[in-house]
Amino acid sequence: MEKTTCPACTMEDIISHPDHWECATCGHEWPKAAVAEAPREVRDAHGTVLVDGDAVILIKDLKLRGGSGVLKQGAKMKSIRLVEGDHEIDGKIDGVALALKACFVKKA
């Protein structure tokens, strides 16, 4: 079963019925066909929709995994690429390829 979230409350506690989905948290129901047709929408920390090619700025310092480096607040990532997965943004900061979550950036 594919992982889906409720369009009303974005929770992942979903009940599958033969022809529709139901959110166990808020009770919202929607047809199964609507999930397959809806394009993925990635939003930054302020709720602005991001698209491929946008530039984003870090809103807080982030420690790099596997090292002692830190990405400083205000660092800019140009020409981002949106990807599937828990880290929605791929791009480069100072020549280093990174994958970031959209909740740590704002649109430049």
PDB file of N, CA and C in Angstrom:
ATOM      1  N   MET A   1       0.843  -1.189   0.000  1.00  0.00           N
ATOM      2  CA  MET A   1       0.000   0.000   0.000  1.00  0.00           C
ATOM      3  C   MET A   1       0.880   1.241   0.000  1.00  0.00           C
ATOM      4  N   GLU A   2       0.553   2.202  -0.835  1.00  0.00           N
ATOM      5  CA  GLU A   2       1.313   3.431  -0.889  1.00  0.00           C
ATOM      6  C   GLU A   2       1.006   4.288   0.329  1.00  0.00           C
ATOM      7  N   LYS A   3       1.976   5.058   0.780  1.00  0.00           N
ATOM      8  CA  LYS A   3       1.814   5.926   1.939  1.00  0.00           C
ATOM      9  C   LYS A   3       1.137   7.210   1.479  1.00  0.00           C
ATOM     10  N   THR A   4       0.004   7.521   2.080  1.00  0.00           N
ATOM     11  CA  THR A   4      -0.728   8.725   1.710  1.00  0.00           C
ATOM     12  C   THR A   4      -1.041   9.521   2.969  1.00  0.00           C
ATOM     13  N   THR A   5      -1.308  10.791   2.807  1.00  0.00           N
ATOM     14  CA  THR A   5      -1.663  11.651   3.926  1.00  0.00           C
ATOM     15  C   THR A   5      -3.016  12.291   3.658  1.00  0.00           C
ATOM     16  N   CYS A   6      -3.673  12.684   4.719  1.00  0.00           N
ATOM     17  CA  CYS A   6      -4.980  13.329   4.613  1.00  0.00           C
ATOM     18  C   CYS A   6      -4.819  14.723   3.999  1.00  0.00           C
ATOM     19  N   PRO A   7      -5.592  15.064   2.957  1.00  0.00           N
ATOM     20  CA  PRO A   7      -5.490  16.398   2.367  1.00  0.00           C
ATOM     21  C   PRO A   7      -6.011  17.501   3.289  1.00  0.00           C
ATOM     22  N   ALA A   8      -6.803  17.141   4.300  1.00  0.00           N
ATOM     23  CA  ALA A   8      -7.361  18.150   5.195  1.00  0.00           C
ATOM     24  C   ALA A   8      -6.425  18.461   6.367  1.00  0.00           C
ATOM     25  N   CYS A   9      -5.853  17.409   7.007  1.00  0.00           N
ATOM     26  CA  CYS A   9      -5.044  17.637   8.202  1.00  0.00           C
ATOM     27  C   CYS A   9      -3.602  17.164   8.060  1.00  0.00           C
ATOM     28  N   THR A  10      -3.239  16.542   6.944  1.00  0.00           N
ATOM     29  CA  THR A  10      -1.901  16.029   6.619  1.00  0.00           C
ATOM     30  C   THR A  10      -1.412  14.925   7.555  1.00  0.00           C
ATOM     31  N   MET A  11      -2.288  14.287   8.295  1.00  0.00           N
ATOM     32  CA  MET A  11      -1.905  13.162   9.146  1.00  0.00           C
ATOM     33  C   MET A  11      -1.813  11.893   8.294  1.00  0.00           C
ATOM     34  N   GLU A  12      -1.049  10.903   8.752  1.00  0.00           N
ATOM     35  CA  GLU A  12      -0.836   9.678   7.988  1.00  0.00           C
ATOM     36  C   GLU A  12      -1.653   8.500   8.506  1.00  0.00           C
ATOM     37  N   ASP A  13      -2.552   8.719   9.445  1.00  0.00           N
ATOM     38  CA  ASP A  13      -3.387   7.649  10.001  1.00  0.00           C
ATOM     39  C   ASP A  13      -4.622   7.490   9.116  1.00  0.00           C
ATOM     40  N   ILE A  14      -4.465   6.721   8.025  1.00  0.00           N
ATOM     41  CA  ILE A  14      -5.482   6.622   6.980  1.00  0.00           C
ATOM     42  C   ILE A  14      -6.111   5.228   6.970  1.00  0.00           C
ATOM     43  N   ILE A  15      -7.434   5.184   6.796  1.00  0.00           N
ATOM     44  CA  ILE A  15      -8.184   3.935   6.667  1.00  0.00           C
ATOM     45  C   ILE A  15      -8.550   3.761   5.197  1.00  0.00           C
ATOM     46  N   SER A  16      -8.243   2.588   4.657  1.00  0.00           N
ATOM     47  CA  SER A  16      -8.515   2.316   3.248  1.00  0.00           C
ATOM     48  C   SER A  16      -9.851   1.598   3.105  1.00  0.00           C
ATOM     49  N   HIS A  17     -10.736   2.143   2.273  1.00  0.00           N
ATOM     50  CA  HIS A  17     -11.997   1.519   1.905  1.00  0.00           C
ATOM     51  C   HIS A  17     -11.896   1.140   0.428  1.00  0.00           C
ATOM     52  N   PRO A  18     -12.778   0.289  -0.090  1.00  0.00           N
ATOM     53  CA  PRO A  18     -12.660  -0.130  -1.490  1.00  0.00           C
ATOM     54  C   PRO A  18     -12.633   1.014  -2.503  1.00  0.00           C
ATOM     55  N   ASP A  19     -13.407   2.067  -2.274  1.00  0.00           N
ATOM     56  CA  ASP A  19     -13.471   3.148  -3.263  1.00  0.00           C
ATOM     57  C   ASP A  19     -13.014   4.506  -2.745  1.00  0.00           C
ATOM     58  N   HIS A  20     -12.674   4.617  -1.465  1.00  0.00           N
ATOM     59  CA  HIS A  20     -12.242   5.905  -0.930  1.00  0.00           C
ATOM     60  C   HIS A  20     -11.321   5.716   0.269  1.00  0.00           C
ATOM     61  N   TRP A  21     -10.659   6.817   0.671  1.00  0.00           N
ATOM     62  CA  TRP A  21      -9.812   6.868   1.854  1.00  0.00           C
ATOM     63  C   TRP A  21     -10.554   7.609   2.959  1.00  0.00           C
ATOM     64  N   GLU A  22     -10.215   7.311   4.212  1.00  0.00           N
ATOM     65  CA  GLU A  22     -10.801   8.017   5.343  1.00  0.00           C
ATOM     66  C   GLU A  22      -9.702   8.301   6.358  1.00  0.00           C
ATOM     67  N   CYS A  23      -9.642   9.522   6.852  1.00  0.00           N
ATOM     68  CA  CYS A  23      -8.662   9.902   7.862  1.00  0.00           C
ATOM     69  C   CYS A  23      -9.209   9.520   9.243  1.00  0.00           C
ATOM     70  N   ALA A  24      -8.440   8.718   9.983  1.00  0.00           N
ATOM     71  CA  ALA A  24      -8.867   8.302  11.319  1.00  0.00           C
ATOM     72  C   ALA A  24      -8.762   9.445  12.322  1.00  0.00           C
ATOM     73  N   THR A  25      -7.982  10.456  12.019  1.00  0.00           N
ATOM     74  CA  THR A  25      -7.785  11.577  12.931  1.00  0.00           C
ATOM     75  C   THR A  25      -8.917  12.593  12.837  1.00  0.00           C
ATOM     76  N   CYS A  26      -9.210  13.070  11.611  1.00  0.00           N
ATOM     77  CA  CYS A  26     -10.209  14.139  11.466  1.00  0.00           C
ATOM     78  C   CYS A  26     -11.517  13.666  10.822  1.00  0.00           C
ATOM     79  N   GLY A  27     -11.550  12.439  10.261  1.00  0.00           N
ATOM     80  CA  GLY A  27     -12.768  11.917   9.665  1.00  0.00           C
ATOM     81  C   GLY A  27     -13.005  12.321   8.225  1.00  0.00           C
ATOM     82  N   HIS A  28     -12.089  13.073   7.618  1.00  0.00           N
ATOM     83  CA  HIS A  28     -12.225  13.507   6.231  1.00  0.00           C
ATOM     84  C   HIS A  28     -12.191  12.296   5.297  1.00  0.00           C
ATOM     85  N   GLU A  29     -13.059  12.274   4.279  1.00  0.00           N
ATOM     86  CA  GLU A  29     -13.098  11.195   3.293  1.00  0.00           C
ATOM     87  C   GLU A  29     -12.865  11.779   1.909  1.00  0.00           C
ATOM     88  N   TRP A  30     -12.133  11.024   1.051  1.00  0.00           N
ATOM     89  CA  TRP A  30     -11.888  11.458  -0.314  1.00  0.00           C
ATOM     90  C   TRP A  30     -11.710  10.242  -1.200  1.00  0.00           C
ATOM     91  N   PRO A  31     -12.038  10.367  -2.501  1.00  0.00           N
ATOM     92  CA  PRO A  31     -11.945   9.221  -3.407  1.00  0.00           C
ATOM     93  C   PRO A  31     -10.490   8.825  -3.656  1.00  0.00           C
ATOM     94  N   LYS A  32     -10.254   7.533  -3.898  1.00  0.00           N
ATOM     95  CA  LYS A  32      -8.896   7.049  -4.135  1.00  0.00           C
ATOM     96  C   LYS A  32      -8.305   7.613  -5.423  1.00  0.00           C
ATOM     97  N   ALA A  33      -9.107   7.887  -6.421  1.00  0.00           N
ATOM     98  CA  ALA A  33      -8.601   8.422  -7.684  1.00  0.00           C
ATOM     99  C   ALA A  33      -7.993   9.806  -7.491  1.00  0.00           C
ATOM    100  N   ALA A  34      -8.479  10.580  -6.538  1.00  0.00           N
ATOM    101  CA  ALA A  34      -7.969  11.934  -6.321  1.00  0.00           C
ATOM    102  C   ALA A  34      -6.527  11.922  -5.846  1.00  0.00           C
ATOM    103  N   VAL A  35      -6.100  10.894  -5.132  1.00  0.00           N
ATOM    104  CA  VAL A  35      -4.736  10.832  -4.631  1.00  0.00           C
ATOM    105  C   VAL A  35      -3.755  10.650  -5.777  1.00  0.00           C
ATOM    106  N   ALA A  36      -4.065   9.797  -6.729  1.00  0.00           N
ATOM    107  CA  ALA A  36      -3.163   9.519  -7.841  1.00  0.00           C
ATOM    108  C   ALA A  36      -3.016  10.727  -8.768  1.00  0.00           C
ATOM    109  N   GLU A  37      -4.026  11.567  -8.892  1.00  0.00           N
ATOM    110  CA  GLU A  37      -4.000  12.692  -9.815  1.00  0.00           C
ATOM    111  C   GLU A  37      -3.385  13.951  -9.207  1.00  0.00           C
ATOM    112  N   ALA A  38      -3.324  14.044  -7.898  1.00  0.00           N
ATOM    113  CA  ALA A  38      -2.848  15.259  -7.251  1.00  0.00           C
ATOM    114  C   ALA A  38      -1.331  15.366  -7.364  1.00  0.00           C
ATOM    115  N   PRO A  39      -0.835  16.487  -7.908  1.00  0.00           N
ATOM    116  CA  PRO A  39       0.619  16.663  -7.992  1.00  0.00           C
ATOM    117  C   PRO A  39       1.200  16.948  -6.606  1.00  0.00           C
ATOM    118  N   ARG A  40       2.435  16.549  -6.407  1.00  0.00           N
ATOM    119  CA  ARG A  40       3.082  16.776  -5.125  1.00  0.00           C
ATOM    120  C   ARG A  40       3.416  18.250  -4.995  1.00  0.00           C
ATOM    121  N   GLU A  41       3.154  18.796  -3.843  1.00  0.00           N
ATOM    122  CA  GLU A  41       3.388  20.211  -3.593  1.00  0.00           C
ATOM    123  C   GLU A  41       4.358  20.326  -2.421  1.00  0.00           C
ATOM    124  N   VAL A  42       5.504  20.955  -2.647  1.00  0.00           N
ATOM    125  CA  VAL A  42       6.506  21.145  -1.604  1.00  0.00           C
ATOM    126  C   VAL A  42       6.459  22.599  -1.166  1.00  0.00           C
ATOM    127  N   ARG A  43       6.336  22.811   0.145  1.00  0.00           N
ATOM    128  CA  ARG A  43       6.252  24.164   0.697  1.00  0.00           C
ATOM    129  C   ARG A  43       7.430  24.423   1.635  1.00  0.00           C
ATOM    130  N   ASP A  44       7.909  25.663   1.642  1.00  0.00           N
ATOM    131  CA  ASP A  44       9.010  26.024   2.528  1.00  0.00           C
ATOM    132  C   ASP A  44       8.488  26.260   3.942  1.00  0.00           C
ATOM    133  N   ALA A  45       9.359  26.729   4.834  1.00  0.00           N
ATOM    134  CA  ALA A  45       9.000  26.931   6.236  1.00  0.00           C
ATOM    135  C   ALA A  45       7.901  27.972   6.426  1.00  0.00           C
ATOM    136  N   HIS A  46       7.724  28.859   5.458  1.00  0.00           N
ATOM    137  CA  HIS A  46       6.704  29.906   5.552  1.00  0.00           C
ATOM    138  C   HIS A  46       5.452  29.585   4.739  1.00  0.00           C
ATOM    139  N   GLY A  47       5.394  28.394   4.133  1.00  0.00           N
ATOM    140  CA  GLY A  47       4.219  27.985   3.385  1.00  0.00           C
ATOM    141  C   GLY A  47       4.225  28.343   1.912  1.00  0.00           C
ATOM    142  N   THR A  48       5.314  28.896   1.408  1.00  0.00           N
ATOM    143  CA  THR A  48       5.420  29.254   0.004  1.00  0.00           C
ATOM    144  C   THR A  48       5.711  28.010  -0.824  1.00  0.00           C
ATOM    145  N   VAL A  49       5.017  27.839  -1.930  1.00  0.00           N
ATOM    146  CA  VAL A  49       5.219  26.675  -2.797  1.00  0.00           C
ATOM    147  C   VAL A  49       6.555  26.800  -3.512  1.00  0.00           C
ATOM    148  N   LEU A  50       7.335  25.705  -3.502  1.00  0.00           N
ATOM    149  CA  LEU A  50       8.624  25.667  -4.182  1.00  0.00           C
ATOM    150  C   LEU A  50       8.506  24.878  -5.472  1.00  0.00           C
ATOM    151  N   VAL A  51       9.262  25.277  -6.482  1.00  0.00           N
ATOM    152  CA  VAL A  51       9.318  24.567  -7.757  1.00  0.00           C
ATOM    153  C   VAL A  51      10.780  24.369  -8.140  1.00  0.00           C
ATOM    154  N   ASP A  52      11.027  23.446  -9.078  1.00  0.00           N
ATOM    155  CA  ASP A  52      12.389  23.214  -9.563  1.00  0.00           C
ATOM    156  C   ASP A  52      12.979  24.520 -10.094  1.00  0.00           C
ATOM    157  N   GLY A  53      14.246  24.772  -9.748  1.00  0.00           N
ATOM    158  CA  GLY A  53      14.935  25.958 -10.230  1.00  0.00           C
ATOM    159  C   GLY A  53      14.889  27.144  -9.284  1.00  0.00           C
ATOM    160  N   ASP A  54      14.081  27.078  -8.235  1.00  0.00           N
ATOM    161  CA  ASP A  54      14.025  28.171  -7.258  1.00  0.00           C
ATOM    162  C   ASP A  54      15.337  28.274  -6.495  1.00  0.00           C
ATOM    163  N   ALA A  55      15.546  29.404  -5.853  1.00  0.00           N
ATOM    164  CA  ALA A  55      16.656  29.590  -4.918  1.00  0.00           C
ATOM    165  C   ALA A  55      16.061  29.651  -3.523  1.00  0.00           C
ATOM    166  N   VAL A  56      16.734  29.020  -2.553  1.00  0.00           N
ATOM    167  CA  VAL A  56      16.247  29.002  -1.174  1.00  0.00           C
ATOM    168  C   VAL A  56      17.368  29.413  -0.230  1.00  0.00           C
ATOM    169  N   ILE A  57      16.990  29.869   0.959  1.00  0.00           N
ATOM    170  CA  ILE A  57      17.926  30.312   1.988  1.00  0.00           C
ATOM    171  C   ILE A  57      17.647  29.525   3.261  1.00  0.00           C
ATOM    172  N   LEU A  58      18.705  29.066   3.944  1.00  0.00           N
ATOM    173  CA  LEU A  58      18.542  28.356   5.214  1.00  0.00           C
ATOM    174  C   LEU A  58      18.016  29.303   6.277  1.00  0.00           C
ATOM    175  N   ILE A  59      17.085  28.821   7.101  1.00  0.00           N
ATOM    176  CA  ILE A  59      16.517  29.670   8.147  1.00  0.00           C
ATOM    177  C   ILE A  59      17.132  29.396   9.515  1.00  0.00           C
ATOM    178  N   LYS A  60      17.987  28.364   9.608  1.00  0.00           N
ATOM    179  CA  LYS A  60      18.676  28.067  10.870  1.00  0.00           C
ATOM    180  C   LYS A  60      19.968  27.327  10.569  1.00  0.00           C
ATOM    181  N   ASP A  61      20.899  27.322  11.526  1.00  0.00           N
ATOM    182  CA  ASP A  61      22.141  26.568  11.382  1.00  0.00           C
ATOM    183  C   ASP A  61      21.821  25.082  11.392  1.00  0.00           C
ATOM    184  N   LEU A  62      22.468  24.317  10.504  1.00  0.00           N
ATOM    185  CA  LEU A  62      22.274  22.873  10.425  1.00  0.00           C
ATOM    186  C   LEU A  62      23.617  22.172  10.516  1.00  0.00           C
ATOM    187  N   LYS A  63      23.723  21.181  11.416  1.00  0.00           N
ATOM    188  CA  LYS A  63      24.939  20.389  11.515  1.00  0.00           C
ATOM    189  C   LYS A  63      24.961  19.382  10.382  1.00  0.00           C
ATOM    190  N   LEU A  64      26.140  19.189   9.784  1.00  0.00           N
ATOM    191  CA  LEU A  64      26.296  18.191   8.735  1.00  0.00           C
ATOM    192  C   LEU A  64      26.544  16.837   9.373  1.00  0.00           C
ATOM    193  N   ARG A  65      25.844  15.836   8.893  1.00  0.00           N
ATOM    194  CA  ARG A  65      25.988  14.497   9.434  1.00  0.00           C
ATOM    195  C   ARG A  65      27.334  13.920   8.995  1.00  0.00           C
ATOM    196  N   GLY A  66      28.010  13.226   9.907  1.00  0.00           N
ATOM    197  CA  GLY A  66      29.262  12.572   9.581  1.00  0.00           C
ATOM    198  C   GLY A  66      30.474  13.478   9.642  1.00  0.00           C
ATOM    199  N   GLY A  67      30.330  14.648  10.182  1.00  0.00           N
ATOM    200  CA  GLY A  67      31.461  15.566  10.267  1.00  0.00           C
ATOM    201  C   GLY A  67      31.200  16.648  11.287  1.00  0.00           C
ATOM    202  N   SER A  68      32.138  17.554  11.379  1.00  0.00           N
ATOM    203  CA  SER A  68      31.991  18.626  12.351  1.00  0.00           C
ATOM    204  C   SER A  68      31.544  19.934  11.694  1.00  0.00           C
ATOM    205  N   GLY A  69      31.219  19.883  10.405  1.00  0.00           N
ATOM    206  CA  GLY A  69      30.821  21.077   9.691  1.00  0.00           C
ATOM    207  C   GLY A  69      29.411  21.535  10.018  1.00  0.00           C
ATOM    208  N   VAL A  70      29.167  22.815   9.758  1.00  0.00           N
ATOM    209  CA  VAL A  70      27.861  23.412  10.010  1.00  0.00           C
ATOM    210  C   VAL A  70      27.475  24.264   8.808  1.00  0.00           C
ATOM    211  N   LEU A  71      26.230  24.145   8.371  1.00  0.00           N
ATOM    212  CA  LEU A  71      25.682  25.049   7.360  1.00  0.00           C
ATOM    213  C   LEU A  71      25.084  26.228   8.113  1.00  0.00           C
ATOM    214  N   LYS A  72      25.548  27.421   7.817  1.00  0.00           N
ATOM    215  CA  LYS A  72      25.122  28.606   8.551  1.00  0.00           C
ATOM    216  C   LYS A  72      23.789  29.146   8.049  1.00  0.00           C
ATOM    217  N   GLN A  73      23.039  29.715   8.973  1.00  0.00           N
ATOM    218  CA  GLN A  73      21.786  30.388   8.628  1.00  0.00           C
ATOM    219  C   GLN A  73      22.082  31.463   7.592  1.00  0.00           C
ATOM    220  N   GLY A  74      21.254  31.573   6.581  1.00  0.00           N
ATOM    221  CA  GLY A  74      21.427  32.570   5.545  1.00  0.00           C
ATOM    222  C   GLY A  74      22.163  32.055   4.323  1.00  0.00           C
ATOM    223  N   ALA A  75      22.702  30.819   4.382  1.00  0.00           N
ATOM    224  CA  ALA A  75      23.379  30.244   3.216  1.00  0.00           C
ATOM    225  C   ALA A  75      22.345  30.039   2.110  1.00  0.00           C
ATOM    226  N   LYS A  76      22.735  30.335   0.865  1.00  0.00           N
ATOM    227  CA  LYS A  76      21.800  30.283  -0.251  1.00  0.00           C
ATOM    228  C   LYS A  76      22.075  29.075  -1.136  1.00  0.00           C
ATOM    229  N   MET A  77      21.015  28.366  -1.505  1.00  0.00           N
ATOM    230  CA  MET A  77      21.088  27.241  -2.432  1.00  0.00           C
ATOM    231  C   MET A  77      20.339  27.669  -3.691  1.00  0.00           C
ATOM    232  N   LYS A  78      21.061  27.726  -4.814  1.00  0.00           N
ATOM    233  CA  LYS A  78      20.453  28.158  -6.072  1.00  0.00           C
ATOM    234  C   LYS A  78      20.067  26.948  -6.914  1.00  0.00           C
ATOM    235  N   SER A  79      19.116  27.124  -7.777  1.00  0.00           N
ATOM    236  CA  SER A  79      18.674  26.094  -8.731  1.00  0.00           C
ATOM    237  C   SER A  79      18.400  24.753  -8.059  1.00  0.00           C
ATOM    238  N   ILE A  80      17.449  24.755  -7.132  1.00  0.00           N
ATOM    239  CA  ILE A  80      17.121  23.525  -6.422  1.00  0.00           C
ATOM    240  C   ILE A  80      16.401  22.546  -7.339  1.00  0.00           C
ATOM    241  N   ARG A  81      16.412  21.285  -6.935  1.00  0.00           N
ATOM    242  CA  ARG A  81      15.681  20.237  -7.646  1.00  0.00           C
ATOM    243  C   ARG A  81      14.823  19.526  -6.607  1.00  0.00           C
ATOM    244  N   LEU A  82      13.522  19.414  -6.854  1.00  0.00           N
ATOM    245  CA  LEU A  82      12.613  18.734  -5.938  1.00  0.00           C
ATOM    246  C   LEU A  82      12.618  17.243  -6.245  1.00  0.00           C
ATOM    247  N   VAL A  83      12.735  16.427  -5.189  1.00  0.00           N
ATOM    248  CA  VAL A  83      12.810  14.981  -5.332  1.00  0.00           C
ATOM    249  C   VAL A  83      11.828  14.322  -4.369  1.00  0.00           C
ATOM    250  N   GLU A  84      11.546  13.047  -4.597  1.00  0.00           N
ATOM    251  CA  GLU A  84      10.691  12.277  -3.697  1.00  0.00           C
ATOM    252  C   GLU A  84      11.497  11.865  -2.476  1.00  0.00           C
ATOM    253  N   GLY A  85      10.829  11.633  -1.367  1.00  0.00           N
ATOM    254  CA  GLY A  85      11.494  11.180  -0.157  1.00  0.00           C
ATOM    255  C   GLY A  85      11.306  12.165   0.982  1.00  0.00           C
ATOM    256  N   ASP A  86      11.946  11.868   2.115  1.00  0.00           N
ATOM    257  CA  ASP A  86      11.775  12.735   3.273  1.00  0.00           C
ATOM    258  C   ASP A  86      12.608  14.009   3.174  1.00  0.00           C
ATOM    259  N   HIS A  87      13.685  14.011   2.394  1.00  0.00           N
ATOM    260  CA  HIS A  87      14.451  15.215   2.108  1.00  0.00           C
ATOM    261  C   HIS A  87      14.052  15.662   0.698  1.00  0.00           C
ATOM    262  N   GLU A  88      13.198  16.680   0.613  1.00  0.00           N
ATOM    263  CA  GLU A  88      12.547  17.040  -0.646  1.00  0.00           C
ATOM    264  C   GLU A  88      13.412  17.853  -1.598  1.00  0.00           C
ATOM    265  N   ILE A  89      14.501  18.457  -1.117  1.00  0.00           N
ATOM    266  CA  ILE A  89      15.273  19.404  -1.915  1.00  0.00           C
ATOM    267  C   ILE A  89      16.694  18.888  -2.136  1.00  0.00           C
ATOM    268  N   ASP A  90      17.145  18.872  -3.392  1.00  0.00           N
ATOM    269  CA  ASP A  90      18.531  18.574  -3.742  1.00  0.00           C
ATOM    270  C   ASP A  90      19.141  19.832  -4.336  1.00  0.00           C
ATOM    271  N   GLY A  91      20.391  20.074  -4.001  1.00  0.00           N
ATOM    272  CA  GLY A  91      21.089  21.225  -4.556  1.00  0.00           C
ATOM    273  C   GLY A  91      22.482  21.329  -3.990  1.00  0.00           C
ATOM    274  N   LYS A  92      23.142  22.455  -4.254  1.00  0.00           N
ATOM    275  CA  LYS A  92      24.504  22.666  -3.779  1.00  0.00           C
ATOM    276  C   LYS A  92      24.606  23.985  -3.030  1.00  0.00           C
ATOM    277  N   ILE A  93      25.370  23.941  -1.936  1.00  0.00           N
ATOM    278  CA  ILE A  93      25.739  25.145  -1.197  1.00  0.00           C
ATOM    279  C   ILE A  93      27.258  25.151  -1.141  1.00  0.00           C
ATOM    280  N   ASP A  94      27.883  26.186  -1.664  1.00  0.00           N
ATOM    281  CA  ASP A  94      29.339  26.308  -1.720  1.00  0.00           C
ATOM    282  C   ASP A  94      29.985  25.097  -2.382  1.00  0.00           C
ATOM    283  N   GLY A  95      29.365  24.558  -3.427  1.00  0.00           N
ATOM    284  CA  GLY A  95      29.921  23.441  -4.170  1.00  0.00           C
ATOM    285  C   GLY A  95      29.717  22.078  -3.546  1.00  0.00           C
ATOM    286  N   VAL A  96      29.039  21.987  -2.413  1.00  0.00           N
ATOM    287  CA  VAL A  96      28.786  20.720  -1.730  1.00  0.00           C
ATOM    288  C   VAL A  96      27.348  20.293  -2.000  1.00  0.00           C
ATOM    289  N   ALA A  97      27.173  19.095  -2.573  1.00  0.00           N
ATOM    290  CA  ALA A  97      25.834  18.580  -2.869  1.00  0.00           C
ATOM    291  C   ALA A  97      25.144  18.183  -1.565  1.00  0.00           C
ATOM    292  N   LEU A  98      23.881  18.620  -1.413  1.00  0.00           N
ATOM    293  CA  LEU A  98      23.128  18.378  -0.187  1.00  0.00           C
ATOM    294  C   LEU A  98      21.689  18.009  -0.498  1.00  0.00           C
ATOM    295  N   ALA A  99      21.081  17.299   0.439  1.00  0.00           N
ATOM    296  CA  ALA A  99      19.645  17.033   0.420  1.00  0.00           C
ATOM    297  C   ALA A  99      19.075  17.653   1.686  1.00  0.00           C
ATOM    298  N   LEU A 100      18.074  18.504   1.548  1.00  0.00           N
ATOM    299  CA  LEU A 100      17.491  19.208   2.687  1.00  0.00           C
ATOM    300  C   LEU A 100      15.992  18.984   2.772  1.00  0.00           C
ATOM    301  N   LYS A 101      15.482  19.125   3.976  1.00  0.00           N
ATOM    302  CA  LYS A 101      14.034  19.142   4.173  1.00  0.00           C
ATOM    303  C   LYS A 101      13.543  20.554   3.951  1.00  0.00           C
ATOM    304  N   ALA A 102      12.362  20.684   3.399  1.00  0.00           N
ATOM    305  CA  ALA A 102      11.815  22.003   3.063  1.00  0.00           C
ATOM    306  C   ALA A 102      11.502  22.846   4.297  1.00  0.00           C
ATOM    307  N   CYS A 103      11.341  22.230   5.457  1.00  0.00           N
ATOM    308  CA  CYS A 103      11.016  22.990   6.668  1.00  0.00           C
ATOM    309  C   CYS A 103      12.195  23.820   7.182  1.00  0.00           C
ATOM    310  N   PHE A 104      13.405  23.624   6.637  1.00  0.00           N
ATOM    311  CA  PHE A 104      14.576  24.377   7.073  1.00  0.00           C
ATOM    312  C   PHE A 104      14.967  25.492   6.109  1.00  0.00           C
ATOM    313  N   VAL A 105      14.155  25.768   5.094  1.00  0.00           N
ATOM    314  CA  VAL A 105      14.497  26.780   4.109  1.00  0.00           C
ATOM    315  C   VAL A 105      13.318  27.728   3.871  1.00  0.00           C
ATOM    316  N   LYS A 106      13.645  28.891   3.296  1.00  0.00           N
ATOM    317  CA  LYS A 106      12.620  29.808   2.812  1.00  0.00           C
ATOM    318  C   LYS A 106      12.996  30.197   1.394  1.00  0.00           C
ATOM    319  N   LYS A 107      12.003  30.505   0.582  1.00  0.00           N
ATOM    320  CA  LYS A 107      12.240  30.894  -0.802  1.00  0.00           C
ATOM    321  C   LYS A 107      12.955  32.236  -0.838  1.00  0.00           C
ATOM    322  N   ALA A 108      13.974  32.312  -1.690  1.00  0.00           N
ATOM    323  CA  ALA A 108      14.763  33.550  -1.785  1.00  0.00           C
ATOM    324  C   ALA A 108      14.080  34.573  -2.674  1.00  0.00           C
TER     325      ALA A 108
END
